[in-house]
Amino acid sequence: IALLKQEIAVLLQKQQLNKKNIQQVVNSIKIKGNGNFVFQDVKGNINITAPAIQSTQIASEIVQAILPYLKEKKTPKFLSRMTRYTNEFIGRKEELHSVNELLQEHNALVVVNGMGGIGKTSLAYKLMQNTQNEYQYIIWTNCEHPLPQDKDVLKTKLLTENGLLHKNLGIEATLKNAKTQDERWDILLKSIMELDGQLLWIIDNAQDEDLETIKELPHSCKIL
């Protein structure tokens, strides 16, 4: 089995796959009865059983069988469902410039405060449109319409009403298997921290009670 794993690793390297993913998958390969084998996919979420291998070219056939599961899917720029704001945006260039300047600071957290209806959402949407090419990823989270008994609206929204975000981060199955909300929260934070690139995170209709949750978000994010 050790020699077989070495041969598989060499063949996978020729496919120019991520070395970490190769090592993870090769280490997880186990030969079962009747020539079957199991391994974990690139995200480590599921076990896959492949057909029996009865060939002198077993390493090559194993590679061909598991290769489709190792191809990394490109993570989209817009990780969550995005708000579509169609109202015409006029002026406010100074405010846009000021907010964008603040977001460029290290560990940026920018709060746009004010009464409802003054245009905070439209300002955030326009900034996202203007600066989206500066970021590899964008998340938009809307905290409106919370349940009366919900004391942690932002966390609840992120864990229960963001299926597209979970899908794009590749953590759907892992979240389902988690037993507690704390486990699910840790899984979500870890997956965001593993993103390679700048992330703009817009949290619309956030309340004072959400501040503690916001502080737990990765410091590498630019949060508005």
Protein backbone atom coordinates (compact mmCIF):
# COMPACT_ATOMS: atom_id res chain seq x y z
CA ILE A 1 0.00 0.00 0.00
CA ALA A 2 2.88 2.39 0.76
CA LEU A 3 4.47 1.79 -2.65
CA LEU A 4 1.10 2.16 -4.33
CA LYS A 5 0.55 5.53 -2.64
CA GLN A 6 3.95 6.73 -3.86
CA GLU A 7 3.07 5.81 -7.44
CA ILE A 8 -0.30 7.56 -7.14
CA ALA A 9 1.34 10.71 -5.74
CA VAL A 10 3.77 10.87 -8.66
CA LEU A 11 0.95 10.51 -11.19
CA LEU A 12 -1.13 13.18 -9.46
CA GLN A 13 1.79 15.62 -9.42
CA LYS A 14 1.97 15.35 -13.21
CA GLN A 15 -1.60 16.70 -13.26
CA GLN A 16 -0.30 19.94 -11.66
CA LEU A 17 -2.66 19.68 -8.72
CA ASN A 18 -2.20 21.46 -5.41
CA LYS A 19 0.47 19.59 -3.39
CA LYS A 20 -1.52 19.89 -0.17
CA ASN A 21 -4.55 18.33 -1.81
CA ILE A 22 -2.46 15.50 -3.27
CA GLN A 23 -0.99 14.69 0.12
CA GLN A 24 -4.39 14.81 1.79
CA VAL A 25 -6.00 12.45 -0.68
CA VAL A 26 -3.08 10.02 -0.90
CA ASN A 27 -2.92 9.75 2.89
CA SER A 28 -6.63 8.96 3.02
CA ILE A 29 -6.55 6.07 0.51
CA LYS A 30 -7.41 2.72 2.05
CA ILE A 31 -7.68 -0.61 0.22
CA LYS A 32 -10.80 -2.55 1.17
CA GLY A 33 -11.97 -6.05 0.42
CA ASN A 34 -12.56 -7.27 -3.13
CA GLY A 35 -10.10 -4.74 -4.53
CA ASN A 36 -12.22 -1.71 -3.63
CA PHE A 37 -10.67 1.40 -2.14
CA VAL A 38 -11.94 4.54 -0.46
CA PHE A 39 -10.56 8.03 -0.20
CA GLN A 40 -11.66 11.52 0.81
CA ASP A 41 -12.36 14.23 -1.72
CA VAL A 42 -10.37 17.47 -1.93
CA LYS A 43 -12.49 19.20 0.74
CA GLY A 44 -12.34 16.21 3.06
CA ASN A 45 -16.14 16.18 3.32
CA ILE A 46 -17.17 12.77 2.01
CA ASN A 47 -15.95 9.21 1.58
CA ILE A 48 -16.14 7.82 -1.95
CA THR A 49 -16.01 4.13 -2.85
CA ALA A 50 -14.62 3.33 -6.30
CA PRO A 51 -15.14 0.13 -8.33
CA ALA A 52 -12.87 -2.87 -7.96
CA ILE A 53 -9.44 -2.51 -9.55
CA GLN A 54 -8.04 -5.66 -11.13
CA SER A 55 -5.16 -4.54 -13.28
CA THR A 56 -1.40 -4.44 -13.35
CA GLN A 57 -1.76 -0.68 -13.85
CA ILE A 58 -3.63 -0.24 -10.61
CA ALA A 59 -2.03 3.12 -9.72
CA SER A 60 -2.93 4.63 -13.08
CA GLU A 61 -6.50 3.36 -12.88
CA ILE A 62 -6.94 4.68 -9.35
CA VAL A 63 -5.72 8.11 -10.46
CA GLN A 64 -8.19 8.17 -13.35
CA ALA A 65 -10.99 7.16 -10.99
CA ILE A 66 -10.35 9.84 -8.39
CA LEU A 67 -9.08 12.66 -10.62
CA PRO A 68 -12.54 14.20 -11.24
CA TYR A 69 -12.93 14.65 -7.48
CA LEU A 70 -9.58 16.42 -7.15
CA LYS A 71 -10.16 19.18 -9.68
CA GLU A 72 -10.58 22.30 -7.60
CA LYS A 73 -13.63 24.36 -8.46
CA LYS A 74 -12.95 28.05 -8.87
CA THR A 75 -14.46 29.99 -5.99
CA PRO A 76 -16.72 32.74 -7.40
CA LYS A 77 -16.17 36.40 -6.59
CA PHE A 78 -19.69 36.91 -5.23
CA LEU A 79 -19.89 34.33 -2.48
CA SER A 80 -23.39 35.12 -1.25
CA ARG A 81 -26.69 36.17 -2.72
CA MET A 82 -26.28 39.81 -3.67
CA THR A 83 -28.76 42.62 -3.11
CA ARG A 84 -30.05 44.13 -6.34
CA TYR A 85 -30.50 47.86 -5.84
CA THR A 86 -32.11 49.55 -8.84
CA ASN A 87 -32.70 53.10 -7.55
CA GLU A 88 -30.69 55.79 -9.27
CA PHE A 89 -27.66 56.90 -7.27
CA ILE A 90 -26.79 60.59 -7.54
CA GLY A 91 -23.82 62.45 -6.06
CA ARG A 92 -22.27 61.63 -2.66
CA LYS A 93 -18.83 61.30 -4.24
CA GLU A 94 -17.12 62.63 -1.10
CA GLU A 95 -18.84 60.05 1.10
CA LEU A 96 -17.96 57.24 -1.29
CA HIS A 97 -14.34 58.38 -1.37
CA SER A 98 -14.16 58.65 2.43
CA VAL A 99 -15.62 55.20 3.03
CA ASN A 100 -13.32 53.64 0.43
CA GLU A 101 -10.28 55.33 1.99
CA LEU A 102 -11.20 53.96 5.42
CA LEU A 103 -11.63 50.46 4.00
CA GLN A 104 -8.04 50.51 2.75
CA GLU A 105 -6.74 50.66 6.32
CA HIS A 106 -5.44 47.55 8.05
CA ASN A 107 -8.17 45.45 9.75
CA ALA A 108 -10.77 47.87 8.39
CA LEU A 109 -14.23 47.99 9.96
CA VAL A 110 -16.27 50.94 8.70
CA VAL A 111 -19.70 51.75 10.15
CA VAL A 112 -22.14 53.87 8.16
CA ASN A 113 -24.75 54.93 10.70
CA GLY A 114 -28.01 56.83 10.48
CA MET A 115 -31.79 56.59 10.44
CA GLY A 116 -33.55 54.31 7.99
CA GLY A 117 -34.18 55.65 4.52
CA ILE A 118 -31.23 58.03 4.24
CA GLY A 119 -29.44 55.88 1.67
CA LYS A 120 -26.98 53.71 3.62
CA THR A 121 -27.74 50.60 1.54
CA SER A 122 -27.52 52.48 -1.75
CA LEU A 123 -24.17 53.96 -0.67
CA ALA A 124 -22.82 50.49 0.16
CA TYR A 125 -24.14 49.06 -3.10
CA LYS A 126 -22.57 51.85 -5.15
CA LEU A 127 -19.25 51.40 -3.36
CA MET A 128 -19.37 47.68 -4.10
CA GLN A 129 -20.01 48.41 -7.78
CA ASN A 130 -17.16 50.92 -7.96
CA THR A 131 -14.55 48.82 -6.14
CA GLN A 132 -15.45 45.20 -6.95
CA ASN A 133 -12.38 44.77 -9.14
CA GLU A 134 -10.18 45.57 -6.13
CA TYR A 135 -11.43 42.49 -4.27
CA GLN A 136 -11.17 38.79 -5.04
CA TYR A 137 -14.33 38.03 -3.03
CA ILE A 138 -17.45 39.87 -1.89
CA ILE A 139 -20.05 38.84 0.70
CA TRP A 140 -23.30 40.71 1.28
CA THR A 141 -25.22 39.82 4.45
CA ASN A 142 -28.59 41.37 5.21
CA CYS A 143 -29.70 41.34 8.85
CA GLU A 144 -33.21 42.70 8.28
CA HIS A 145 -36.38 40.89 9.42
CA PRO A 146 -34.86 39.11 12.46
CA LEU A 147 -36.94 36.79 14.61
CA PRO A 148 -38.10 38.51 17.84
CA GLN A 149 -36.35 35.94 20.06
CA ASP A 150 -33.07 36.03 18.11
CA LYS A 151 -30.32 37.66 20.18
CA ASP A 152 -27.53 37.03 17.64
CA VAL A 153 -29.08 37.99 14.31
CA LEU A 154 -25.90 38.16 12.22
CA LYS A 155 -24.66 34.75 13.32
CA THR A 156 -28.09 33.21 12.76
CA LYS A 157 -28.35 34.71 9.28
CA LEU A 158 -24.89 33.46 8.33
CA LEU A 159 -25.47 29.92 9.56
CA THR A 160 -29.11 29.32 8.58
CA GLU A 161 -30.02 31.63 5.69
CA ASN A 162 -26.90 31.60 3.54
CA GLY A 163 -27.03 28.37 1.58
CA LEU A 164 -25.31 29.91 -1.44
CA LEU A 165 -22.44 31.14 0.74
CA HIS A 166 -22.03 27.66 2.24
CA LYS A 167 -22.12 26.07 -1.21
CA ASN A 168 -19.52 28.47 -2.66
CA LEU A 169 -17.24 27.89 0.32
CA GLY A 170 -17.62 24.11 -0.05
CA ILE A 171 -18.80 23.57 3.53
CA GLU A 172 -22.41 22.41 3.07
CA ALA A 173 -21.80 18.80 4.10
CA THR A 174 -19.46 19.74 6.95
CA LEU A 175 -22.01 22.14 8.41
CA LYS A 176 -24.73 19.50 8.27
CA ASN A 177 -22.54 17.07 10.20
CA ALA A 178 -21.67 19.62 12.89
CA LYS A 179 -23.56 19.05 16.13
CA THR A 180 -23.56 22.53 17.68
CA GLN A 181 -23.84 26.11 16.51
CA ASP A 182 -20.34 26.81 17.85
CA GLU A 183 -18.96 24.03 15.65
CA ARG A 184 -20.78 25.40 12.61
CA TRP A 185 -19.52 28.91 13.36
CA ASP A 186 -15.92 27.70 13.61
CA ILE A 187 -16.28 25.85 10.28
CA LEU A 188 -17.58 29.00 8.57
CA LEU A 189 -14.85 31.24 9.98
CA LYS A 190 -12.11 28.75 9.09
CA SER A 191 -13.32 28.47 5.48
CA ILE A 192 -13.31 32.26 5.11
CA MET A 193 -9.83 32.56 6.59
CA GLU A 194 -8.58 30.02 4.04
CA LEU A 195 -9.68 32.19 1.10
CA ASP A 196 -6.72 33.44 -0.88
CA GLY A 197 -7.33 37.11 -1.63
CA GLN A 198 -8.94 40.33 -0.43
CA LEU A 199 -12.53 40.09 0.77
CA LEU A 200 -15.10 42.89 1.03
CA TRP A 201 -17.90 42.03 3.46
CA ILE A 202 -20.97 44.29 3.51
CA ILE A 203 -23.31 43.77 6.45
CA ASP A 204 -26.58 45.59 5.81
CA ASN A 205 -29.04 46.50 8.59
CA ALA A 206 -26.62 45.43 11.31
CA GLN A 207 -27.64 46.23 14.89
CA ASP A 208 -25.59 47.13 17.95
CA GLU A 209 -26.07 43.56 19.20
CA ASP A 210 -24.20 42.25 16.14
CA LEU A 211 -20.97 44.02 17.05
CA GLU A 212 -19.55 41.13 19.09
CA THR A 213 -20.14 38.72 16.19
CA ILE A 214 -18.59 41.19 13.76
CA LYS A 215 -15.47 41.29 15.95
CA GLU A 216 -15.13 37.52 15.52
CA LEU A 217 -14.97 37.77 11.72
CA PRO A 218 -11.50 37.32 10.20
CA HIS A 219 -9.45 40.52 10.54
CA SER A 220 -8.27 40.14 6.96
CA CYS A 221 -11.79 41.08 5.75
CA LYS A 222 -12.73 44.63 4.85
CA ILE A 223 -16.05 45.05 6.63
CA LEU A 224 -18.64 47.73 5.88
